[in-house]
Amino acid sequence: LYRQFAVTICVSVIISAICALTLSPALCATLFTSEIHLHQKGPFALFNKFLSLSRRGYVAAAGWLLRKLIILGVMFLLVVGSSFLLFRSIPRSFLPLEDQGYFFIDFQLPEGASQARTMEVLKKIGAEMKKMEGIEDVITVSGYSIFSGIAPNVGFGLANLKDWDQRKRPDLHLRALVRKTQIKLMALPYVNAFAFSPPAILGLGTTGGFDFRLEAREGQSPRELAAAARALVVAANKDPRLTRVFTTFRADTPQFYVNLDRTKAEYFGVPVSRVFSTLQAYLGSAYVNDFNLFQRTYQVKVQAQAPFRNDLSDIRHLYVRNNQGKMVLLSSVASISTVLGPKVVHRYNQFPSVQINGQAAPGHSSGEAMAIMEKLAARVLPSGFGYEWSSSSFQQKKSRGQVQVLFILALVFAYLFLVGQYESWILPLPIILYIPVAALGALLGLWVTGLSFSIYAQIGLVMLVGLASKNAILMVEFSRDRHREGLSIEEAALEGARTRFRPVLMTAFTFILGVAPLVIATGAGAMSRRHIGTTVFSGMLVATTLGILLVPGLYYVLQSLGERKWTIPRTKRKRDNEGD
């Protein structure tokens, strides 16, 4: 995502720069053919009058701050301190939960349930869900589960929601509908079902929320692993900051266990591989060859007929051919018993593992949910068990701390570029010190709207380094030119504020109004647009209304310090003045 936004912004800025240097002058020469007169009546006249009053008030406030540098310093420290506190207090997340117009349901019936019963239950639940307000249709598939794989007692459902225009009420949004569906599913005694949202980015996991992998790192049995998973899920669901924490792992599936006596098999001359291939061929299937018919290729597979593979005694009646070509009864070399165990044992980082999924409760972020799960794991899990994060949770854990590095690098690169442009180490500092005001506005906007500090908000914060510094550049560069023409530092600072007030406001509010639709976006992908839109909208708004008050004062202080401590040689200053 960082690379995508970086490429998009860089290409658009390059194209904009080319147009500004070539097309814009030609358009100005073509369109501005007569002398421009200010409007004396109408809405434009009122707008100009309001802007003039605002400029006078702004210049007066900036001049007052120049005379009250202590207050200026206190204001700047408050901006930096407030930004730091908000940065520490706003909850963090990786990707916001998106309303994509559908959600998933996972069904699990008791062990031993037939597929016919599973189909009947899914059909009944689907019919009930269709009656819920906001749900357009429900598609169910029996025999397959995202978490449990293929089995006769599991199922999968997809609930298609109505169009976003018909779901404007908060109780018809995705999170509310998933919660309502889960309440209905929990009331059903004959099925264990979970409703969950899809991942925000398809391919990055199978569900929304966090993906916790519990690992048995000291060879614990599947039943011990299942018990530890249940204890952790129960503890997580008791925490009000978490919701819909579940796992589909079970270690009580009835199974037949074939205990092969390898000593007897060697005595009878029966290879071990032949025992397993016999079981596969009779009870499952075995590939023989292909044949062509009607210009198509078909596979030949062998399998015992259904009446001869339905009972445990049928396995004891199987025969295996030994190395001498004689048939040996399978029960002579193996004993068969009934046991309980898991259908499938998944491994994560080579350890037997259990997948636990869940989400943060409303008002909390995925970062908080992950921290809570880590604390619960440390308190609940017995010794010998560990955990890892997977899917989007792994990416979130991996990307933690990147925003600080990226923001600092953006500030450093912007500062070095301005140093090269102005040939001064001091002059770019007022521009760089103006950026924390934009950061304060961005964080304040996220805090007021209740949004988390997601990766989209991080991208918006990095973008503000370039967007906000443009306002300060317009003022500082003009003040520098007026100071070189002979004005004092104070007069140059106020002259730059007075002259560049209108261009700064026009360019800034053009951008602010341009991103306003992102703040109120709806539909698929609305949350990602709201996160980045709120960040840049509120950041530029605060930087334009509050930040420009600090720019003249910052320029005055730093330029005064620069001329006192790092005085330009007289010959060079004379040469610069002659060049100007």
Protein backbone atom coordinates (compact mmCIF):
# COMPACT_ATOMS: atom_id res chain seq x y z
CA LEU A 1 0.00 0.00 0.00
CA TYR A 2 2.84 2.41 0.80
CA ARG A 3 4.38 1.75 -2.59
CA GLN A 4 1.08 2.15 -4.44
CA PHE A 5 0.39 5.52 -2.84
CA ALA A 6 3.99 6.62 -3.32
CA VAL A 7 3.93 5.80 -7.04
CA THR A 8 0.53 7.47 -7.47
CA ILE A 9 1.54 10.68 -5.72
CA CYS A 10 4.95 10.89 -7.41
CA VAL A 11 3.56 10.41 -10.91
CA SER A 12 0.73 12.90 -10.35
CA VAL A 13 3.12 15.51 -8.93
CA ILE A 14 5.50 15.11 -11.87
CA ILE A 15 2.66 15.55 -14.37
CA SER A 16 1.36 18.55 -12.38
CA ALA A 17 4.82 20.15 -12.38
CA ILE A 18 5.17 19.73 -16.13
CA CYS A 19 1.74 21.30 -16.68
CA ALA A 20 2.54 24.17 -14.29
CA LEU A 21 5.77 24.98 -16.16
CA THR A 22 4.39 24.64 -19.70
CA LEU A 23 0.61 24.70 -19.99
CA SER A 24 -0.28 27.11 -17.17
CA PRO A 25 1.70 30.11 -18.54
CA ALA A 26 0.13 29.62 -21.95
CA LEU A 27 -3.35 29.46 -20.44
CA CYS A 28 -2.72 32.62 -18.42
CA ALA A 29 -1.56 34.49 -21.51
CA THR A 30 -4.63 33.32 -23.42
CA LEU A 31 -7.33 33.83 -20.78
CA PHE A 32 -6.11 36.97 -19.00
CA THR A 33 -6.37 39.32 -21.98
CA SER A 34 -7.83 42.35 -20.24
CA GLU A 35 -7.27 44.16 -16.98
CA ILE A 36 -8.84 42.43 -14.01
CA HIS A 37 -11.27 44.53 -11.91
CA LEU A 38 -12.42 43.58 -8.43
CA HIS A 39 -16.13 42.99 -8.06
CA GLN A 40 -17.94 45.80 -6.26
CA LYS A 41 -21.29 44.03 -5.87
CA GLY A 42 -22.66 40.52 -5.56
CA PRO A 43 -21.36 37.41 -3.81
CA PHE A 44 -17.79 37.92 -5.07
CA ALA A 45 -17.67 41.36 -3.47
CA LEU A 46 -18.91 39.93 -0.19
CA PHE A 47 -16.32 37.18 -0.40
CA ASN A 48 -13.50 39.67 -1.04
CA LYS A 49 -14.69 41.83 1.85
CA PHE A 50 -14.77 38.83 4.19
CA LEU A 51 -11.33 37.77 3.03
CA SER A 52 -9.92 41.27 3.59
CA LEU A 53 -11.31 41.37 7.13
CA SER A 54 -9.88 37.93 7.79
CA ARG A 55 -6.49 38.99 6.50
CA ARG A 56 -6.40 42.06 8.73
CA GLY A 57 -7.33 39.97 11.74
CA TYR A 58 -4.75 37.35 10.85
CA VAL A 59 -1.95 39.90 10.39
CA ALA A 60 -2.88 41.55 13.70
CA ALA A 61 -2.80 38.19 15.51
CA ALA A 62 0.51 37.24 13.88
CA GLY A 63 2.00 40.62 14.86
CA TRP A 64 0.83 40.16 18.43
CA LEU A 65 2.52 36.74 18.58
CA LEU A 66 5.74 38.31 17.29
CA ARG A 67 5.69 40.61 20.30
CA LYS A 68 4.75 37.76 22.68
CA LEU A 69 7.34 35.12 21.82
CA ILE A 70 6.80 33.32 25.12
CA ILE A 71 3.17 32.67 24.18
CA LEU A 72 4.36 31.55 20.74
CA GLY A 73 6.71 29.06 22.39
CA VAL A 74 3.99 27.80 24.71
CA MET A 75 1.61 27.33 21.77
CA PHE A 76 4.23 25.36 19.85
CA LEU A 77 4.99 23.16 22.85
CA LEU A 78 1.27 22.53 23.34
CA VAL A 79 0.99 21.46 19.69
CA VAL A 80 3.91 19.03 20.00
CA GLY A 81 2.74 17.69 23.37
CA SER A 82 -0.85 17.24 22.25
CA SER A 83 0.31 15.44 19.11
CA PHE A 84 2.42 13.07 21.20
CA LEU A 85 -0.42 12.33 23.62
CA LEU A 86 -2.91 11.71 20.82
CA PHE A 87 -0.42 9.50 19.00
CA ARG A 88 -0.04 7.36 22.12
CA SER A 89 -3.77 7.22 22.94
CA ILE A 90 -5.40 6.58 19.55
CA PRO A 91 -5.92 2.82 19.07
CA ARG A 92 -3.97 1.22 16.24
CA SER A 93 -5.15 -1.18 13.58
CA PHE A 94 -3.86 -2.58 10.31
CA LEU A 95 -6.82 -2.49 7.94
CA PRO A 96 -10.26 -1.12 8.85
CA LEU A 97 -13.28 -3.41 8.69
CA GLU A 98 -14.91 -2.89 5.30
CA ASP A 99 -18.60 -3.29 4.46
CA GLN A 100 -18.18 -5.20 1.18
CA GLY A 101 -21.85 -6.15 0.90
CA TYR A 102 -21.58 -9.71 2.22
CA PHE A 103 -20.35 -11.83 5.11
CA PHE A 104 -19.58 -15.50 5.78
CA ILE A 105 -21.07 -18.16 8.05
CA ASP A 106 -19.34 -21.36 9.13
CA PHE A 107 -21.51 -24.31 10.24
CA GLN A 108 -20.48 -27.36 12.22
CA LEU A 109 -22.95 -30.08 13.23
CA PRO A 110 -22.24 -32.78 15.83
CA GLU A 111 -19.73 -35.43 14.87
CA GLY A 112 -21.27 -38.28 12.93
CA ALA A 113 -23.99 -36.15 11.33
CA SER A 114 -24.70 -37.16 7.74
CA GLN A 115 -24.44 -34.82 4.81
CA ALA A 116 -28.19 -35.15 4.21
CA ARG A 117 -28.85 -33.81 7.70
CA THR A 118 -26.30 -31.03 7.16
CA MET A 119 -28.04 -29.98 3.94
CA GLU A 120 -31.42 -29.90 5.67
CA VAL A 121 -30.09 -27.77 8.56
CA LEU A 122 -28.34 -25.33 6.21
CA LYS A 123 -31.47 -24.98 4.11
CA LYS A 124 -33.54 -24.18 7.18
CA ILE A 125 -31.03 -21.62 8.51
CA GLY A 126 -30.71 -19.99 5.09
CA ALA A 127 -34.49 -19.55 4.86
CA GLU A 128 -34.56 -17.91 8.30
CA MET A 129 -31.69 -15.57 7.49
CA LYS A 130 -33.37 -14.35 4.30
CA LYS A 131 -36.15 -12.93 6.46
CA MET A 132 -33.70 -10.61 8.25
CA GLU A 133 -33.82 -6.95 7.24
CA GLY A 134 -30.82 -5.95 5.18
CA ILE A 135 -30.04 -9.43 3.80
CA GLU A 136 -30.80 -9.95 0.11
CA ASP A 137 -29.94 -13.64 -0.32
CA VAL A 138 -28.11 -16.51 1.40
CA ILE A 139 -26.03 -19.17 -0.37
CA THR A 140 -25.12 -22.33 1.57
CA VAL A 141 -22.74 -25.16 0.68
CA SER A 142 -22.78 -28.42 2.65
CA GLY A 143 -19.74 -30.63 3.11
CA TYR A 144 -17.17 -27.83 3.00
CA SER A 145 -15.86 -25.38 5.59
CA ILE A 146 -13.23 -22.65 5.33
CA PHE A 147 -11.76 -23.77 8.65
CA SER A 148 -12.53 -27.51 8.86
CA GLY A 149 -12.10 -28.52 5.22
CA ILE A 150 -14.22 -31.29 3.70
CA ALA A 151 -16.50 -33.29 5.99
CA PRO A 152 -20.16 -34.40 5.94
CA ASN A 153 -21.05 -32.48 9.13
CA VAL A 154 -19.74 -29.02 8.14
CA GLY A 155 -21.04 -26.27 5.89
CA PHE A 156 -20.33 -22.81 4.58
CA GLY A 157 -22.65 -19.88 3.96
CA LEU A 158 -22.46 -16.54 2.20
CA ALA A 159 -25.00 -13.83 3.03
CA ASN A 160 -25.41 -11.19 0.32
CA LEU A 161 -26.58 -7.87 1.72
CA LYS A 162 -28.83 -5.33 0.09
CA ASP A 163 -27.42 -2.30 -1.68
CA TRP A 164 -25.78 0.32 0.52
CA ASP A 165 -28.48 2.84 -0.43
CA GLN A 166 -31.00 0.58 1.32
CA ARG A 167 -28.82 0.10 4.42
CA LYS A 168 -28.17 3.65 5.59
CA ARG A 169 -29.27 3.01 9.17
CA PRO A 170 -26.46 1.99 11.59
CA ASP A 171 -28.31 -1.20 12.54
CA LEU A 172 -28.12 -2.34 8.91
CA HIS A 173 -24.37 -1.93 8.54
CA LEU A 174 -22.13 -4.96 8.23
CA ARG A 175 -20.97 -5.13 11.85
CA ALA A 176 -24.53 -4.83 13.18
CA LEU A 177 -25.89 -7.47 10.79
CA VAL A 178 -23.11 -9.90 11.67
CA ARG A 179 -23.86 -9.38 15.36
CA LYS A 180 -27.60 -9.97 14.84
CA THR A 181 -26.92 -13.10 12.81
CA GLN A 182 -24.57 -14.47 15.45
CA ILE A 183 -27.21 -13.98 18.15
CA LYS A 184 -29.71 -15.99 16.08
CA LEU A 185 -27.17 -18.73 15.38
CA MET A 186 -26.23 -19.09 19.04
CA ALA A 187 -29.87 -19.87 19.85
CA LEU A 188 -29.82 -22.97 17.63
CA PRO A 189 -29.09 -26.12 19.72
CA TYR A 190 -28.37 -28.47 16.82
CA VAL A 191 -25.51 -26.59 15.12
CA ASN A 192 -22.38 -24.69 16.09
CA ALA A 193 -22.24 -21.70 13.72
CA PHE A 194 -20.18 -18.53 13.49
CA ALA A 195 -20.84 -15.41 11.41
CA PHE A 196 -17.81 -13.33 10.46
CA SER A 197 -16.85 -10.62 8.00
CA PRO A 198 -14.53 -11.23 5.02
CA PRO A 199 -10.97 -9.88 5.03
CA ALA A 200 -10.57 -6.24 4.05
CA ILE A 201 -8.20 -7.28 1.23
CA LEU A 202 -9.04 -10.55 -0.52
CA GLY A 203 -6.16 -12.99 -0.29
CA LEU A 204 -4.87 -11.60 3.00
CA GLY A 205 -6.42 -14.25 5.22
CA THR A 206 -9.82 -15.91 5.19
CA THR A 207 -11.67 -13.73 7.69
CA GLY A 208 -11.74 -10.23 9.05
CA GLY A 209 -10.37 -9.57 12.51
CA PHE A 210 -7.35 -11.31 13.99
CA ASP A 211 -5.87 -14.71 13.13
CA PHE A 212 -4.31 -16.36 16.21
CA ARG A 213 -2.43 -19.67 15.86
CA LEU A 214 -2.07 -21.74 19.03
CA GLU A 215 0.89 -24.15 18.83
CA ALA A 216 1.72 -27.34 20.74
CA ARG A 217 5.49 -26.97 20.97
CA GLU A 218 6.29 -29.92 23.26
CA GLY A 219 4.45 -32.75 21.52
CA GLN A 220 1.12 -32.42 23.34
CA SER A 221 -1.72 -34.62 22.13
CA PRO A 222 -4.56 -33.23 20.00
CA ARG A 223 -6.93 -33.51 22.97
CA GLU A 224 -4.60 -31.39 25.12
CA LEU A 225 -4.34 -28.89 22.27
CA ALA A 226 -8.13 -28.73 21.97
CA ALA A 227 -8.51 -28.23 25.74
CA ALA A 228 -6.01 -25.35 25.72
CA ALA A 229 -7.79 -23.77 22.75
CA ARG A 230 -11.18 -24.00 24.46
CA ALA A 231 -9.81 -22.41 27.64
CA LEU A 232 -8.33 -19.52 25.67
CA VAL A 233 -11.53 -18.99 23.65
CA VAL A 234 -13.66 -18.96 26.81
CA ALA A 235 -11.36 -16.44 28.48
CA ALA A 236 -11.34 -14.24 25.35
CA ASN A 237 -15.12 -14.18 25.07
CA LYS A 238 -15.39 -13.03 28.68
CA ASP A 239 -13.40 -9.90 27.85
CA PRO A 240 -15.79 -7.11 26.76
CA ARG A 241 -13.16 -5.67 24.40
CA LEU A 242 -13.30 -8.79 22.22
CA THR A 243 -16.21 -10.26 20.29
CA ARG A 244 -16.99 -13.46 18.39
CA VAL A 245 -13.79 -15.30 19.32
CA PHE A 246 -14.08 -18.91 18.11
CA THR A 247 -12.29 -21.98 16.83
CA THR A 248 -13.65 -24.94 14.89
CA PHE A 249 -10.96 -27.37 16.04
CA ARG A 250 -12.32 -30.48 17.75
CA ALA A 251 -10.55 -33.63 18.88
CA ASP A 252 -13.63 -35.82 19.47
CA THR A 253 -14.33 -37.13 15.97
CA PRO A 254 -14.97 -40.93 16.03
CA GLN A 255 -12.22 -42.66 14.06
CA PHE A 256 -10.90 -46.14 13.31
CA TYR A 257 -7.32 -46.66 14.40
CA VAL A 258 -5.34 -49.34 12.59
CA ASN A 259 -2.49 -50.55 14.78
CA LEU A 260 -0.12 -52.38 12.47
CA ASP A 261 2.09 -55.03 14.07
CA ARG A 262 5.21 -54.59 11.98
CA THR A 263 6.87 -57.70 13.43
CA LYS A 264 3.98 -59.91 12.26
CA ALA A 265 3.91 -58.15 8.92
CA GLU A 266 7.60 -58.95 8.46
CA TYR A 267 6.99 -62.56 9.51
CA PHE A 268 4.21 -63.02 6.94
CA GLY A 269 6.19 -61.21 4.28
CA VAL A 270 3.72 -58.35 3.93
CA PRO A 271 5.28 -54.94 3.11
CA VAL A 272 3.94 -52.09 5.22
CA SER A 273 3.21 -49.95 2.16
CA ARG A 274 1.04 -52.72 0.72
CA VAL A 275 -1.14 -52.73 3.84
CA PHE A 276 -1.84 -49.02 3.45
CA SER A 277 -2.38 -49.22 -0.32
CA THR A 278 -4.93 -52.03 0.25
CA LEU A 279 -6.84 -49.89 2.75
CA GLN A 280 -6.77 -46.96 0.34
CA ALA A 281 -7.97 -49.01 -2.63
CA TYR A 282 -10.89 -50.64 -0.79
CA LEU A 283 -12.06 -47.87 1.51
CA GLY A 284 -11.06 -44.84 -0.57
CA SER A 285 -10.02 -45.30 -4.17
CA ALA A 286 -6.93 -46.09 -6.21
CA TYR A 287 -5.97 -44.85 -9.66
CA VAL A 288 -5.36 -47.60 -12.26
CA ASN A 289 -4.94 -46.03 -15.70
CA ASP A 290 -6.67 -43.95 -18.39
CA PHE A 291 -8.68 -44.90 -21.44
CA ASN A 292 -9.95 -42.91 -24.41
CA LEU A 293 -13.58 -42.95 -25.48
CA PHE A 294 -15.44 -40.56 -27.78
CA GLN A 295 -12.35 -38.37 -28.12
CA ARG A 296 -12.14 -37.86 -24.39
CA THR A 297 -9.84 -39.31 -21.71
CA TYR A 298 -11.29 -41.02 -18.64
CA GLN A 299 -9.61 -42.29 -15.48
CA VAL A 300 -10.06 -45.81 -14.15
CA LYS A 301 -10.29 -46.05 -10.35
CA VAL A 302 -11.06 -49.05 -8.14
CA GLN A 303 -13.01 -49.00 -4.90
CA ALA A 304 -14.98 -51.49 -2.83
CA GLN A 305 -18.73 -51.32 -3.27
CA ALA A 306 -20.64 -49.42 -0.60
CA PRO A 307 -22.11 -52.48 1.22
CA PHE A 308 -18.56 -53.84 1.74
CA ARG A 309 -17.04 -50.71 3.33
CA ASN A 310 -19.74 -49.52 5.74
CA ASP A 311 -18.81 -51.43 8.88
CA LEU A 312 -15.73 -52.02 11.02
CA SER A 313 -15.93 -55.75 10.39
CA ASP A 314 -15.48 -55.13 6.66
CA ILE A 315 -11.92 -53.99 7.31
CA ARG A 316 -11.07 -57.21 9.15
CA HIS A 317 -12.22 -59.24 6.15
CA LEU A 318 -9.75 -57.62 3.78
CA TYR A 319 -6.78 -59.58 2.42
CA VAL A 320 -3.27 -58.39 1.59
CA ARG A 321 -0.93 -60.08 -0.88
CA ASN A 322 2.49 -60.92 0.56
CA ASN A 323 5.80 -61.13 -1.27
CA GLN A 324 5.21 -64.80 -2.14
CA GLY A 325 1.93 -64.00 -3.86
CA LYS A 326 -0.27 -65.49 -1.17
CA MET A 327 -3.22 -63.69 0.42
CA VAL A 328 -2.92 -62.81 4.12
CA LEU A 329 -5.89 -61.74 6.22
CA LEU A 330 -5.46 -58.11 7.30
CA SER A 331 -6.57 -58.88 10.86
CA SER A 332 -3.56 -61.20 11.15
CA VAL A 333 -1.09 -58.29 11.01
CA ALA A 334 -3.18 -55.37 12.34
CA SER A 335 -5.68 -54.67 15.09
CA ILE A 336 -8.48 -52.16 14.63
CA SER A 337 -10.07 -50.06 17.38
CA THR A 338 -12.35 -47.03 17.70
CA VAL A 339 -10.77 -43.80 19.00
CA LEU A 340 -11.58 -40.10 19.22
CA GLY A 341 -9.39 -37.54 17.45
CA PRO A 342 -9.34 -34.53 15.13
CA LYS A 343 -10.36 -34.79 11.50
CA VAL A 344 -7.34 -32.75 10.38
CA VAL A 345 -4.26 -31.63 12.31
CA HIS A 346 -2.92 -28.38 10.88
CA ARG A 347 0.70 -27.40 11.34
CA TYR A 348 2.05 -23.88 11.63
CA ASN A 349 5.83 -23.44 11.66
CA GLN A 350 6.02 -27.26 11.87
CA PHE A 351 4.06 -27.39 15.16
CA PRO A 352 0.53 -28.84 15.53
CA SER A 353 -1.67 -25.76 15.70
CA VAL A 354 -5.20 -24.49 16.16
CA GLN A 355 -6.61 -21.46 14.36
CA ILE A 356 -8.50 -19.02 16.60
CA ASN A 357 -10.35 -16.12 15.02
CA GLY A 358 -12.09 -13.12 16.51
CA GLN A 359 -12.61 -9.39 16.31
CA ALA A 360 -12.30 -6.32 18.47
CA ALA A 361 -15.51 -5.09 20.03
CA PRO A 362 -17.00 -1.80 18.72
CA GLY A 363 -14.92 1.10 19.93
CA HIS A 364 -11.70 -0.91 20.03
CA SER A 365 -9.06 -1.59 17.39
CA SER A 366 -7.40 -4.74 16.10
CA GLY A 367 -4.16 -3.66 17.76
CA GLU A 368 -5.89 -3.63 21.14
CA ALA A 369 -7.45 -7.03 20.41
CA MET A 370 -4.06 -8.55 19.58
CA ALA A 371 -2.53 -7.15 22.76
CA ILE A 372 -5.42 -8.57 24.82
CA MET A 373 -5.02 -12.01 23.22
CA GLU A 374 -1.31 -12.01 24.01
CA LYS A 375 -2.01 -11.19 27.67
CA LEU A 376 -4.69 -13.90 27.89
CA ALA A 377 -2.35 -16.44 26.30
CA ALA A 378 0.34 -15.66 28.85
CA ARG A 379 -2.18 -16.11 31.69
CA VAL A 380 -4.32 -19.03 30.48
CA LEU A 381 -2.11 -21.33 28.41
CA PRO A 382 -0.24 -24.17 30.16
CA SER A 383 3.50 -24.50 29.77
CA GLY A 384 4.64 -25.97 26.48
CA PHE A 385 2.12 -24.03 24.39
CA GLY A 386 2.98 -21.01 22.26
CA TYR A 387 1.34 -18.85 19.64
CA GLU A 388 1.97 -17.00 16.40
CA TRP A 389 0.04 -14.47 14.33
CA SER A 390 -0.99 -15.18 10.74
CA SER A 391 -2.64 -13.48 7.76
CA SER A 392 -3.36 -9.77 8.26
CA SER A 393 -2.45 -10.01 11.96
CA PHE A 394 1.05 -11.13 11.01
CA GLN A 395 1.36 -8.18 8.62
CA GLN A 396 0.13 -5.79 11.30
CA LYS A 397 2.65 -7.13 13.79
CA LYS A 398 5.40 -6.88 11.20
CA SER A 399 4.56 -3.30 10.23
CA ARG A 400 4.37 -2.01 13.81
CA GLY A 401 6.65 1.00 14.28
CA GLN A 402 7.04 1.74 10.57
CA VAL A 403 5.02 4.94 10.64
CA GLN A 404 7.44 6.66 13.02
CA VAL A 405 10.40 5.80 10.79
CA LEU A 406 8.59 6.85 7.61
CA PHE A 407 7.40 10.13 9.13
CA ILE A 408 10.90 11.00 10.34
CA LEU A 409 12.40 10.09 6.96
CA ALA A 410 9.83 12.28 5.22
CA LEU A 411 10.77 15.19 7.46
CA VAL A 412 14.49 14.63 6.86
CA PHE A 413 14.16 14.41 3.09
CA ALA A 414 11.91 17.47 2.98
CA TYR A 415 14.37 19.42 5.14
CA LEU A 416 17.40 18.44 3.03
CA PHE A 417 15.59 19.35 -0.18
CA LEU A 418 14.70 22.79 1.20
CA VAL A 419 18.27 23.26 2.43
CA GLY A 420 19.48 22.69 -1.11
CA GLN A 421 16.84 25.05 -2.53
CA TYR A 422 17.46 27.95 -0.11
CA GLU A 423 21.19 27.27 0.48
CA SER A 424 20.58 27.71 4.17
CA TRP A 425 20.33 25.39 7.16
CA ILE A 426 18.12 27.80 9.11
CA LEU A 427 15.51 29.00 6.61
CA PRO A 428 13.84 25.54 6.11
CA LEU A 429 13.33 25.10 9.87
CA PRO A 430 10.15 27.26 10.09
CA ILE A 431 8.67 25.12 7.33
CA ILE A 432 9.57 21.83 9.04
CA LEU A 433 8.39 23.04 12.46
CA TYR A 434 5.03 23.94 10.89
CA ILE A 435 4.34 20.27 10.04
CA PRO A 436 3.55 19.15 13.66
CA VAL A 437 0.48 21.40 13.50
CA ALA A 438 -0.82 19.36 10.55
CA ALA A 439 -0.01 16.15 12.44
CA LEU A 440 -2.01 17.44 15.41
CA GLY A 441 -4.99 18.14 13.16
CA ALA A 442 -4.79 14.66 11.60
CA LEU A 443 -4.66 12.89 14.96
CA LEU A 444 -7.38 15.14 16.35
CA GLY A 445 -9.65 14.26 13.42
CA LEU A 446 -9.14 10.53 14.01
CA TRP A 447 -9.82 10.96 17.74
CA VAL A 448 -13.02 12.99 17.22
CA THR A 449 -14.46 10.57 14.64
CA GLY A 450 -13.47 7.49 16.63
CA LEU A 451 -11.36 6.04 13.82
CA SER A 452 -8.28 3.93 14.52
CA PHE A 453 -4.75 4.73 13.38
CA SER A 454 -4.77 2.30 10.45
CA ILE A 455 -2.30 1.94 7.62
CA TYR A 456 -4.43 4.31 5.52
CA ALA A 457 -4.21 6.95 8.24
CA GLN A 458 -0.45 6.40 8.37
CA ILE A 459 -0.21 7.03 4.63
CA GLY A 460 -2.26 10.21 5.04
CA LEU A 461 0.04 11.39 7.84
CA VAL A 462 3.10 10.92 5.64
CA MET A 463 1.36 12.76 2.79
CA LEU A 464 0.77 15.73 5.08
CA VAL A 465 4.52 16.38 5.23
CA GLY A 466 4.45 17.58 1.64
CA LEU A 467 0.94 18.99 1.61
CA ALA A 468 1.27 21.11 4.76
CA SER A 469 4.79 22.36 4.08
CA LYS A 470 3.53 23.99 0.88
CA ASN A 471 1.63 26.60 2.93
CA ALA A 472 4.70 27.54 4.93
CA ILE A 473 6.89 27.63 1.83
CA LEU A 474 4.69 30.32 0.25
CA MET A 475 5.08 32.57 3.29
CA VAL A 476 8.70 31.91 4.24
CA GLU A 477 10.04 32.38 0.72
CA PHE A 478 8.22 35.69 0.28
CA SER A 479 9.43 36.91 3.70
CA ARG A 480 13.00 35.98 2.78
CA ASP A 481 12.79 38.02 -0.43
CA ARG A 482 11.39 41.06 1.40
CA HIS A 483 14.13 40.80 4.05
CA ARG A 484 16.80 40.77 1.35
CA GLU A 485 15.22 43.88 -0.16
CA GLY A 486 15.92 45.75 3.07
CA LEU A 487 12.99 45.17 5.40
CA SER A 488 13.65 44.10 8.97
CA ILE A 489 12.97 40.49 9.95
CA GLU A 490 9.75 41.45 11.76
CA GLU A 491 8.50 43.60 8.87
CA ALA A 492 9.40 40.92 6.35
CA ALA A 493 7.56 38.25 8.37
CA LEU A 494 4.39 40.34 8.57
CA GLU A 495 4.63 41.39 4.92
CA GLY A 496 4.90 37.76 3.87
CA ALA A 497 1.90 36.86 6.03
CA ARG A 498 -0.16 39.75 4.63
CA THR A 499 0.70 39.20 0.95
CA ARG A 500 0.54 35.41 0.85
CA PHE A 501 -2.56 35.02 3.03
CA ARG A 502 -5.00 34.76 0.13
CA PRO A 503 -2.92 32.33 -2.02
CA VAL A 504 -2.34 30.10 0.98
CA LEU A 505 -6.05 29.98 1.83
CA MET A 506 -7.13 29.43 -1.78
CA THR A 507 -4.74 26.53 -2.44
CA ALA A 508 -5.34 24.95 0.96
CA PHE A 509 -9.13 25.11 0.87
CA THR A 510 -9.16 23.88 -2.70
CA PHE A 511 -7.46 20.72 -1.49
CA ILE A 512 -9.59 20.49 1.67
CA LEU A 513 -12.84 20.70 -0.28
CA GLY A 514 -11.45 18.24 -2.81
CA VAL A 515 -10.93 15.53 -0.20
CA ALA A 516 -14.17 16.28 1.67
CA PRO A 517 -16.09 13.52 -0.20
CA LEU A 518 -13.64 10.96 1.21
CA VAL A 519 -14.67 11.90 4.75
CA ILE A 520 -18.32 10.98 4.11
CA ALA A 521 -17.70 8.09 1.69
CA THR A 522 -20.15 5.18 1.60
CA GLY A 523 -20.28 1.81 -0.10
CA ALA A 524 -17.57 -0.77 -0.71
CA GLY A 525 -14.18 0.42 0.52
CA ALA A 526 -15.73 3.37 2.36
CA MET A 527 -13.78 2.85 5.59
CA SER A 528 -10.38 2.99 3.90
CA ARG A 529 -11.39 6.20 2.11
CA ARG A 530 -12.69 7.67 5.38
CA HIS A 531 -9.48 6.88 7.21
CA ILE A 532 -7.19 8.56 4.70
CA GLY A 533 -9.71 11.33 3.94
CA THR A 534 -10.23 12.24 7.59
CA THR A 535 -6.49 12.30 8.19
CA VAL A 536 -5.59 14.71 5.38
CA PHE A 537 -8.81 16.75 5.69
CA SER A 538 -8.45 17.50 9.39
CA GLY A 539 -4.68 17.87 9.13
CA MET A 540 -4.85 20.49 6.39
CA LEU A 541 -7.80 22.24 8.06
CA VAL A 542 -5.95 22.72 11.35
CA ALA A 543 -2.70 23.58 9.57
CA THR A 544 -4.48 26.25 7.51
CA THR A 545 -6.52 27.82 10.31
CA LEU A 546 -4.11 27.51 13.24
CA GLY A 547 -0.74 26.72 11.74
CA ILE A 548 -0.36 29.83 9.61
CA LEU A 549 -0.50 31.88 12.81
CA LEU A 550 2.77 30.29 13.91
CA VAL A 551 4.70 30.60 10.63
CA PRO A 552 5.59 34.34 10.89
CA GLY A 553 6.71 33.92 14.49
CA LEU A 554 8.78 30.81 13.70
CA TYR A 555 10.42 32.61 10.79
CA TYR A 556 11.19 35.64 12.95
CA VAL A 557 12.76 33.61 15.77
CA LEU A 558 14.85 31.28 13.63
CA GLN A 559 15.98 33.94 11.16
CA SER A 560 17.04 36.19 14.06
CA LEU A 561 19.00 33.36 15.64
CA GLY A 562 20.59 32.55 12.31
CA GLU A 563 21.81 36.06 11.68
CA ARG A 564 23.22 36.32 15.20
CA LYS A 565 25.06 33.00 15.32
CA TRP A 566 25.72 32.08 11.69
CA THR A 567 26.29 35.49 10.08
CA ILE A 568 26.74 35.46 6.30
CA PRO A 569 30.05 37.03 5.24
CA ARG A 570 29.75 40.68 4.17
CA THR A 571 31.07 40.07 0.65
CA LYS A 572 28.63 37.24 0.03
CA ARG A 573 25.69 39.22 1.44
CA LYS A 574 26.61 42.16 -0.84
CA ARG A 575 26.78 39.81 -3.82
CA ASP A 576 23.36 38.36 -2.93
CA ASN A 577 21.81 41.83 -2.62
CA GLU A 578 23.29 42.86 -5.97
CA GLY A 579 21.90 39.68 -7.51
CA ASP A 580 18.46 40.43 -6.09
